[in-house]
């Protein structure tokens, strides 16, 4: 069976994500730099470069914050999406200074903040302050993120490259336990106890069957896994 999704082959950190940020900026280098800094702070961030994709992604994922280019899009298109009515929006204009009187049009369209300049550090600080506001955006969801894999605990979903992966309840539980403790090696018996409970009599081979099925769904090459690894003679671990 060929996997429809591709895991990143290199090591990547696994973080518990409480808020997500959608970034839609003209300058991709600036957007990517902003994304890296936000993700280091624990915010899952998505960069898009087309308005149609930005609107589709925003409606599908309902981010906690939207950062967009002041000159490239009308905020009206986002506010038309009912679920985004309360999501805070920061409009960014690179390389120029601006004053409050220059931003009246944006504020009239329900933009929460206009930031001018090229300081990633300042923009991230403002984004973090906005996300800390009581009631800002939508209710945060608990997520684990590893490379291009994301586990949303509230929605009980696993996504790779934005596509939902169909996991059984046990596969979901197994993956969740691995993501909670990246790089930790679980013996087969430990994982059986974690997922099925200590009083449940089950052969260790049953776990191997679930691991095999899980790899078919999340690994680019299930026969040569790069993410969910076997530690010979011990058990399994997630390579973060």
Protein backbone atom coordinates (compact mmCIF):
# COMPACT_ATOMS: atom_id res chain seq x y z
CA UNK A 1 0.00 0.00 0.00
CA UNK A 2 1.43 3.37 -1.00
CA UNK A 3 1.27 6.18 1.53
CA UNK A 4 -0.66 9.21 0.28
CA UNK A 5 1.17 11.54 2.65
CA UNK A 6 4.82 12.41 3.16
CA UNK A 7 6.55 12.85 6.48
CA UNK A 8 9.60 15.09 6.75
CA UNK A 9 12.66 12.88 6.67
CA UNK A 10 14.85 15.05 8.88
CA UNK A 11 14.60 15.57 12.63
CA UNK A 12 12.05 18.19 13.70
CA UNK A 13 10.89 19.36 17.12
CA UNK A 14 7.59 18.20 18.54
CA UNK A 15 5.71 20.92 20.38
CA UNK A 16 2.35 21.22 22.09
CA UNK A 17 0.59 23.99 20.21
CA UNK A 18 -2.15 26.04 21.84
CA UNK A 19 -2.66 28.73 19.17
CA UNK A 20 -2.27 28.89 15.41
CA UNK A 21 -1.38 31.83 13.18
CA UNK A 22 -2.19 32.25 9.48
CA UNK A 23 0.41 34.39 7.67
CA UNK A 24 -0.45 35.94 4.31
CA UNK A 25 2.30 38.37 3.29
CA UNK A 26 3.74 39.56 -0.02
CA UNK A 27 7.33 38.95 1.02
CA UNK A 28 7.80 35.20 1.41
CA UNK A 29 11.27 35.50 3.06
CA UNK A 30 9.78 37.84 5.68
CA UNK A 31 6.79 35.50 6.12
CA UNK A 32 9.02 32.44 6.56
CA UNK A 33 11.21 34.26 9.08
CA UNK A 34 8.10 35.24 11.00
CA UNK A 35 6.82 31.65 10.85
CA UNK A 36 10.07 30.25 12.27
CA UNK A 37 10.09 32.72 15.15
CA UNK A 38 6.44 32.10 16.00
CA UNK A 39 6.88 28.32 15.94
CA UNK A 40 9.90 28.60 18.23
CA UNK A 41 7.53 30.30 20.67
CA UNK A 42 5.03 27.44 20.38
CA UNK A 43 2.60 28.90 17.85
CA UNK A 44 1.72 26.73 14.87
CA UNK A 45 2.04 28.95 11.80
CA UNK A 46 0.94 28.54 8.19
CA UNK A 47 2.30 30.68 5.34
CA UNK A 48 0.20 31.17 2.20
CA UNK A 49 0.85 33.40 -0.81
CA UNK A 50 -2.50 33.45 -2.64
CA UNK A 51 -5.70 35.13 -1.47
CA UNK A 52 -7.92 32.20 -2.47
CA UNK A 53 -5.71 29.77 -0.53
CA UNK A 54 -5.60 32.13 2.47
CA UNK A 55 -9.39 32.32 2.62
CA UNK A 56 -9.79 28.56 2.22
CA UNK A 57 -7.18 27.80 4.89
CA UNK A 58 -8.65 30.36 7.29
CA UNK A 59 -12.13 28.89 6.95
CA UNK A 60 -10.89 25.31 7.32
CA UNK A 61 -8.54 25.75 10.28
CA UNK A 62 -10.00 28.86 12.01
CA UNK A 63 -6.66 30.29 13.19
CA UNK A 64 -6.25 32.15 16.46
CA UNK A 65 -4.65 35.10 14.65
CA UNK A 66 -4.32 36.29 11.04
CA UNK A 67 -1.33 38.33 9.86
CA UNK A 68 -1.76 39.76 6.37
CA UNK A 69 -0.16 42.26 4.01
CA UNK A 70 -1.75 45.68 4.33
CA UNK A 71 -1.52 46.31 0.58
CA UNK A 72 -2.57 42.96 -0.84
CA UNK A 73 -6.03 42.07 0.40
CA UNK A 74 -9.28 43.54 1.65
CA UNK A 75 -10.18 42.51 5.18
CA UNK A 76 -13.81 42.34 4.10
CA UNK A 77 -13.22 38.94 2.51
CA UNK A 78 -12.13 37.47 5.84
CA UNK A 79 -14.88 39.10 7.90
CA UNK A 80 -17.49 37.60 5.57
CA UNK A 81 -16.58 34.19 6.99
CA UNK A 82 -18.77 33.89 10.07
CA UNK A 83 -16.32 31.77 12.06
CA UNK A 84 -13.61 34.43 11.63
CA UNK A 85 -15.65 37.33 12.99
CA UNK A 86 -13.77 37.41 16.28
CA UNK A 87 -10.31 36.34 15.07
CA UNK A 88 -7.84 39.22 15.57
CA UNK A 89 -6.10 40.49 12.44
CA UNK A 90 -2.77 42.30 12.14
CA UNK A 91 -2.05 44.17 8.90
CA UNK A 92 1.65 44.53 8.07
CA UNK A 93 3.37 47.04 5.81
CA UNK A 94 7.08 46.42 5.36
CA UNK A 95 9.74 49.08 5.17
CA UNK A 96 7.60 52.12 5.93
CA UNK A 97 6.54 54.04 9.00
CA UNK A 98 2.89 54.89 9.51
CA UNK A 99 0.77 56.81 11.97
CA UNK A 100 -2.67 56.14 13.37
CA UNK A 101 -4.28 58.65 11.01
CA UNK A 102 -2.86 56.69 8.06
CA UNK A 103 -4.63 53.53 9.20
CA UNK A 104 -8.20 54.74 9.66
CA UNK A 105 -9.44 52.79 6.64
CA UNK A 106 -8.05 49.52 8.00
CA UNK A 107 -9.47 50.13 11.47
CA UNK A 108 -12.87 50.87 9.91
CA UNK A 109 -12.68 47.39 8.33
CA UNK A 110 -12.14 45.77 11.74
CA UNK A 111 -8.39 45.27 11.49
CA UNK A 112 -7.16 45.09 15.07
CA UNK A 113 -3.64 46.42 14.54
CA UNK A 114 -1.49 47.90 11.75
CA UNK A 115 2.26 47.30 12.05
CA UNK A 116 4.78 49.05 9.82
CA UNK A 117 8.44 48.12 9.44
CA UNK A 118 10.52 44.98 9.07
CA UNK A 119 11.12 43.88 12.66
CA UNK A 120 10.16 40.24 13.08
CA UNK A 121 10.86 40.52 16.80
CA UNK A 122 8.44 43.43 17.24
CA UNK A 123 5.74 41.75 15.19
CA UNK A 124 6.00 38.49 17.15
CA UNK A 125 5.84 40.43 20.43
CA UNK A 126 2.68 42.16 19.28
CA UNK A 127 1.19 38.88 18.07
CA UNK A 128 1.90 37.19 21.40
CA UNK A 129 0.36 40.09 23.31
CA UNK A 130 -2.75 39.91 21.15
CA UNK A 131 -3.09 36.15 21.62
CA UNK A 132 -2.83 36.59 25.40
CA UNK A 133 -5.86 38.87 25.50
CA UNK A 134 -8.84 37.30 27.29
CA UNK A 135 -11.32 36.05 24.70
CA UNK A 136 -9.04 36.83 21.76
CA UNK A 137 -9.76 34.82 18.63
CA UNK A 138 -11.39 31.44 18.96
CA UNK A 139 -10.99 29.00 21.81
CA UNK A 140 -7.49 27.52 21.63
CA UNK A 141 -7.17 23.85 20.80
CA UNK A 142 -4.50 21.55 22.14
CA UNK A 143 -2.31 20.24 19.36
CA UNK A 144 0.96 18.42 18.84
CA UNK A 145 3.03 19.42 15.82
CA UNK A 146 5.94 17.50 14.31
CA UNK A 147 7.20 18.56 10.91
CA UNK A 148 4.19 18.47 8.61
CA UNK A 149 2.18 16.25 10.97
CA UNK A 150 -0.32 17.85 13.32
CA UNK A 151 -2.47 16.17 15.96
CA UNK A 152 -5.52 18.12 17.13
CA UNK A 153 -6.70 16.63 20.42
CA UNK A 154 -9.97 18.54 20.65
CA UNK A 155 -11.03 17.61 17.12
CA UNK A 156 -9.50 14.14 17.48
CA UNK A 157 -7.75 14.57 14.12
CA UNK A 158 -4.33 13.88 12.66
CA UNK A 159 -3.33 15.88 9.60
CA UNK A 160 -0.33 15.62 7.30
CA UNK A 161 0.24 18.52 4.93
CA UNK A 162 -3.22 19.72 5.93
CA UNK A 163 -4.95 16.47 4.92
CA UNK A 164 -6.80 14.40 7.51
CA UNK A 165 -5.35 10.93 8.07
CA UNK A 166 -7.89 8.24 8.91
CA UNK A 167 -6.65 6.59 12.11
CA UNK A 168 -8.42 4.07 14.29
CA UNK A 169 -9.01 5.10 17.94
CA UNK A 170 -6.15 2.87 19.10
CA UNK A 171 -3.77 4.20 16.42
CA UNK A 172 -4.63 7.73 17.54
CA UNK A 173 -3.92 6.86 21.19
CA UNK A 174 -0.62 5.18 20.34
CA UNK A 175 0.56 8.15 18.26
CA UNK A 176 -0.52 10.59 20.97
CA UNK A 177 1.56 8.80 23.60
CA UNK A 178 4.61 8.89 21.33
CA UNK A 179 4.14 12.60 20.59
CA UNK A 180 3.80 13.42 24.28
CA UNK A 181 7.27 11.97 24.91
CA UNK A 182 9.38 12.45 21.75
CA UNK A 183 12.62 10.44 21.61
CA UNK A 184 11.54 8.36 24.61
CA UNK A 185 11.78 4.64 23.91
CA UNK A 186 8.64 2.76 24.95
CA UNK A 187 8.85 -0.97 25.48
CA UNK A 188 6.00 -2.92 23.96
CA UNK A 189 4.62 -3.70 27.40
CA UNK A 190 4.79 -0.04 28.45
CA UNK A 191 2.80 1.05 25.42
CA UNK A 192 0.26 -1.73 25.91
CA UNK A 193 -0.22 -0.57 29.51
CA UNK A 194 -0.53 3.08 28.42
CA UNK A 195 -3.13 2.44 25.73
CA UNK A 196 -5.04 -0.66 26.84
CA UNK A 197 -4.47 -0.47 30.61
CA UNK A 198 -2.38 -2.61 32.92
CA UNK A 199 -5.14 -5.11 33.61
CA UNK A 200 -5.75 -5.87 29.95
CA UNK A 201 -4.26 -9.17 28.79
CA UNK A 202 -2.87 -8.71 25.29
CA UNK A 203 0.04 -10.19 23.39
CA UNK A 204 2.86 -7.79 22.51
CA UNK A 205 2.44 -8.77 18.86
CA UNK A 206 -0.88 -6.90 18.87
CA UNK A 207 1.03 -3.64 19.29
CA UNK A 208 3.31 -4.52 16.37
CA UNK A 209 0.23 -4.89 14.16
CA UNK A 210 -1.00 -1.41 15.12
CA UNK A 211 2.46 0.11 14.60
CA UNK A 212 2.64 -1.47 11.14
CA UNK A 213 -0.75 -0.01 10.23
CA UNK A 214 0.20 3.41 11.62
CA UNK A 215 3.37 3.50 9.54
CA UNK A 216 1.38 2.73 6.40
CA UNK A 217 -0.57 5.92 7.01
CA UNK A 218 2.08 8.42 8.17
CA UNK A 219 5.40 7.35 6.66
CA UNK A 220 6.57 8.22 3.13
CA UNK A 221 8.20 4.79 2.92
CA UNK A 222 6.62 2.49 5.52
CA UNK A 223 9.27 -0.19 4.89
CA UNK A 224 12.00 2.31 5.85
CA UNK A 225 10.40 4.50 8.53
CA UNK A 226 12.04 7.80 9.41
CA UNK A 227 9.58 8.99 12.07
CA UNK A 228 8.18 6.05 14.05
CA UNK A 229 11.25 3.93 14.69
CA UNK A 230 11.93 0.44 16.04
CA UNK A 231 14.60 0.23 18.74
CA UNK A 232 15.77 -3.33 18.32
CA UNK A 233 15.31 -5.47 21.40
CA UNK A 234 13.57 -2.68 23.32
CA UNK A 235 10.50 -1.18 21.64
CA UNK A 236 9.56 1.94 19.67
CA UNK A 237 10.13 5.69 19.67
CA UNK A 238 9.27 8.78 17.64
CA UNK A 239 12.27 10.50 16.03
CA UNK A 240 11.77 14.23 16.61
